[in-house]
Amino acid sequence: MITEHQVVIQSPVSSQEGVFETIAELAVQNGIATDTNPVVAGLKQRESQSTTGFQEGFAIPHTKSEAITQPAIIVVRTETKIEWDAFDGQPAFFFISLLIPEAEAGTTHLQALSALSGALMDEKVRQALLRAQSTKEIAALIHKVIKGDGE
């Protein structure tokens, strides 16, 4: 669901819209989605229902769309913190986005979202992600979390 090519660190974007656009662009570049517009629209719509902001700078924006061709995770770590209406009231800068094809919206979506949110409640996992210095390291950590062999 994730490779190092689906991770951006030190992204200069400074708004929610910019994060969503970066996620969608990476999805298209990596063959995960056919069009950026429905991905951005889906992420915005989901965020309008309730925040995907988690805690300590993390957020899990997610969407399902017919433009998404395979389940995937995109990670964007920004240089600056962005207001995200997170549960702890803190701005976010580490975005782990879950993109799911419409046809797989039930099980795949819920299992991956559950694995991600559960892992982010673990201080060790959050710290490992924050310490990660490369796209490869972040991708490997997320892969372990999704597969259920997290730290």
Protein backbone atom coordinates (compact mmCIF):
# COMPACT_ATOMS: atom_id res chain seq x y z
CA MET A 1 0.00 0.00 0.00
CA ILE A 2 2.99 2.32 0.37
CA THR A 3 6.40 2.82 -1.20
CA GLU A 4 9.02 5.49 -0.66
CA HIS A 5 7.73 7.21 -3.84
CA GLN A 6 4.45 7.88 -2.03
CA VAL A 7 6.15 9.88 0.73
CA VAL A 8 7.13 13.55 0.68
CA ILE A 9 9.12 15.10 3.51
CA GLN A 10 9.75 18.82 3.94
CA SER A 11 6.82 19.78 1.73
CA PRO A 12 6.52 23.59 1.45
CA VAL A 13 2.69 23.57 1.39
CA SER A 14 1.08 25.64 4.12
CA SER A 15 -2.67 25.03 3.81
CA GLN A 16 -5.16 22.19 3.96
CA GLU A 17 -5.88 22.69 0.25
CA GLY A 18 -2.14 22.43 -0.50
CA VAL A 19 -1.87 19.16 1.45
CA PHE A 20 -4.85 17.68 -0.42
CA GLU A 21 -3.42 18.77 -3.79
CA THR A 22 -0.02 17.25 -2.95
CA ILE A 23 -1.67 13.97 -1.94
CA ALA A 24 -3.69 13.88 -5.18
CA GLU A 25 -0.66 14.75 -7.35
CA LEU A 26 1.40 11.97 -5.75
CA ALA A 27 -1.47 9.55 -6.27
CA VAL A 28 -1.63 10.31 -10.00
CA GLN A 29 2.19 10.26 -10.39
CA ASN A 30 2.33 6.83 -8.75
CA GLY A 31 -0.54 5.32 -10.76
CA ILE A 32 -2.86 5.17 -7.74
CA ALA A 33 -5.45 7.57 -9.19
CA THR A 34 -6.41 8.66 -12.68
CA ASP A 35 -7.35 12.27 -11.86
CA THR A 36 -6.43 14.70 -9.08
CA ASN A 37 -9.76 16.56 -8.94
CA PRO A 38 -11.97 13.79 -7.51
CA VAL A 39 -9.27 12.90 -4.97
CA VAL A 40 -9.00 16.51 -3.73
CA ALA A 41 -12.81 16.84 -3.70
CA GLY A 42 -13.17 13.60 -1.74
CA LEU A 43 -10.56 14.61 0.83
CA LYS A 44 -12.27 18.00 1.30
CA GLN A 45 -15.69 16.43 1.62
CA ARG A 46 -14.51 13.92 4.22
CA GLU A 47 -12.77 16.66 6.21
CA SER A 48 -15.98 18.74 6.20
CA GLN A 49 -17.82 15.86 7.94
CA SER A 50 -15.40 15.79 10.87
CA THR A 51 -11.73 16.44 11.40
CA THR A 52 -9.13 13.87 10.47
CA GLY A 53 -6.67 15.68 12.72
CA PHE A 54 -5.33 13.26 15.29
CA GLN A 55 -2.81 14.37 17.91
CA GLU A 56 0.74 15.70 18.24
CA GLY A 57 0.77 17.02 14.66
CA PHE A 58 -0.61 13.92 12.93
CA ALA A 59 -3.68 13.75 10.69
CA ILE A 60 -5.18 10.92 8.65
CA PRO A 61 -7.04 12.51 5.72
CA HIS A 62 -8.80 9.79 3.74
CA THR A 63 -11.22 9.28 0.89
CA LYS A 64 -12.68 6.75 -1.48
CA SER A 65 -13.23 7.46 -5.16
CA GLU A 66 -13.77 5.81 -8.51
CA ALA A 67 -10.69 7.77 -9.69
CA ILE A 68 -8.58 5.74 -7.25
CA THR A 69 -7.46 2.49 -8.89
CA GLN A 70 -5.76 0.72 -5.98
CA PRO A 71 -5.67 1.07 -2.18
CA ALA A 72 -2.72 3.20 -1.13
CA ILE A 73 -1.22 5.41 1.52
CA ILE A 74 0.37 8.76 0.74
CA VAL A 75 2.44 10.59 3.36
CA VAL A 76 3.09 14.32 3.34
CA ARG A 77 5.24 15.88 6.05
CA THR A 78 5.18 19.66 5.84
CA GLU A 79 7.86 22.18 6.82
CA THR A 80 5.30 24.26 8.70
CA LYS A 81 2.39 23.36 10.94
CA ILE A 82 -1.08 23.75 9.44
CA GLU A 83 -4.30 24.45 11.36
CA TRP A 84 -6.32 21.23 11.13
CA ASP A 85 -8.89 21.32 13.94
CA ALA A 86 -7.22 18.25 15.48
CA PHE A 87 -8.54 16.44 18.56
CA ASP A 88 -5.80 17.95 20.74
CA GLY A 89 -6.18 21.47 19.29
CA GLN A 90 -2.66 21.40 17.84
CA PRO A 91 -1.83 22.17 14.20
CA ALA A 92 -0.78 19.25 11.98
CA PHE A 93 2.33 18.66 9.90
CA PHE A 94 2.45 14.88 9.40
CA PHE A 95 -0.32 13.68 7.07
CA ILE A 96 -0.88 9.97 6.47
CA SER A 97 -3.53 9.80 3.77
CA LEU A 98 -5.51 6.69 2.97
CA LEU A 99 -6.86 6.42 -0.59
CA ILE A 100 -9.30 3.61 -1.39
CA PRO A 101 -11.08 2.66 -4.64
CA GLU A 102 -14.85 3.08 -4.38
CA ALA A 103 -15.33 -0.67 -4.96
CA GLU A 104 -13.24 -1.51 -1.87
CA ALA A 105 -14.73 1.15 0.38
CA GLY A 106 -15.96 -1.24 3.06
CA THR A 107 -13.38 -3.65 4.41
CA THR A 108 -10.04 -2.37 3.04
CA HIS A 109 -10.84 1.19 4.08
CA LEU A 110 -11.89 0.33 7.62
CA GLN A 111 -9.07 -2.15 8.29
CA ALA A 112 -6.34 0.23 7.13
CA LEU A 113 -7.89 3.21 8.93
CA SER A 114 -8.21 1.18 12.12
CA ALA A 115 -4.59 0.01 11.89
CA LEU A 116 -3.32 3.55 11.28
CA SER A 117 -5.33 5.24 14.02
CA GLY A 118 -4.51 2.49 16.50
CA ALA A 119 -0.80 2.75 15.71
CA LEU A 120 -0.83 6.54 16.10
CA MET A 121 -2.13 6.14 19.64
CA ASP A 122 1.16 4.41 20.44
CA GLU A 123 3.79 6.91 21.56
CA LYS A 124 6.62 4.68 20.25
CA VAL A 125 5.13 4.59 16.76
CA ARG A 126 4.57 8.36 16.69
CA GLN A 127 8.12 9.01 17.87
CA ALA A 128 9.59 6.58 15.32
CA LEU A 129 7.70 8.36 12.52
CA LEU A 130 8.81 11.78 13.79
CA ARG A 131 12.45 10.65 13.98
CA ALA A 132 12.42 9.09 10.50
CA GLN A 133 14.80 10.97 8.21
CA SER A 134 14.01 9.47 4.81
CA THR A 135 11.06 8.61 2.62
CA LYS A 136 12.19 4.98 2.65
CA GLU A 137 12.24 4.86 6.46
CA ILE A 138 8.75 6.40 6.75
CA ALA A 139 7.34 4.01 4.12
CA ALA A 140 8.84 1.01 5.95
CA LEU A 141 7.39 2.12 9.32
CA ILE A 142 3.90 2.66 7.85
CA HIS A 143 4.09 -0.68 6.03
CA LYS A 144 4.85 -2.44 9.34
CA VAL A 145 1.91 -0.70 11.03
CA ILE A 146 -0.56 -1.67 8.29
CA LYS A 147 0.68 -5.27 8.21
CA GLY A 148 0.25 -5.50 11.98
CA ASP A 149 3.88 -5.90 12.98
CA GLY A 150 4.27 -2.41 14.39
CA GLU A 151 6.83 -1.72 17.07
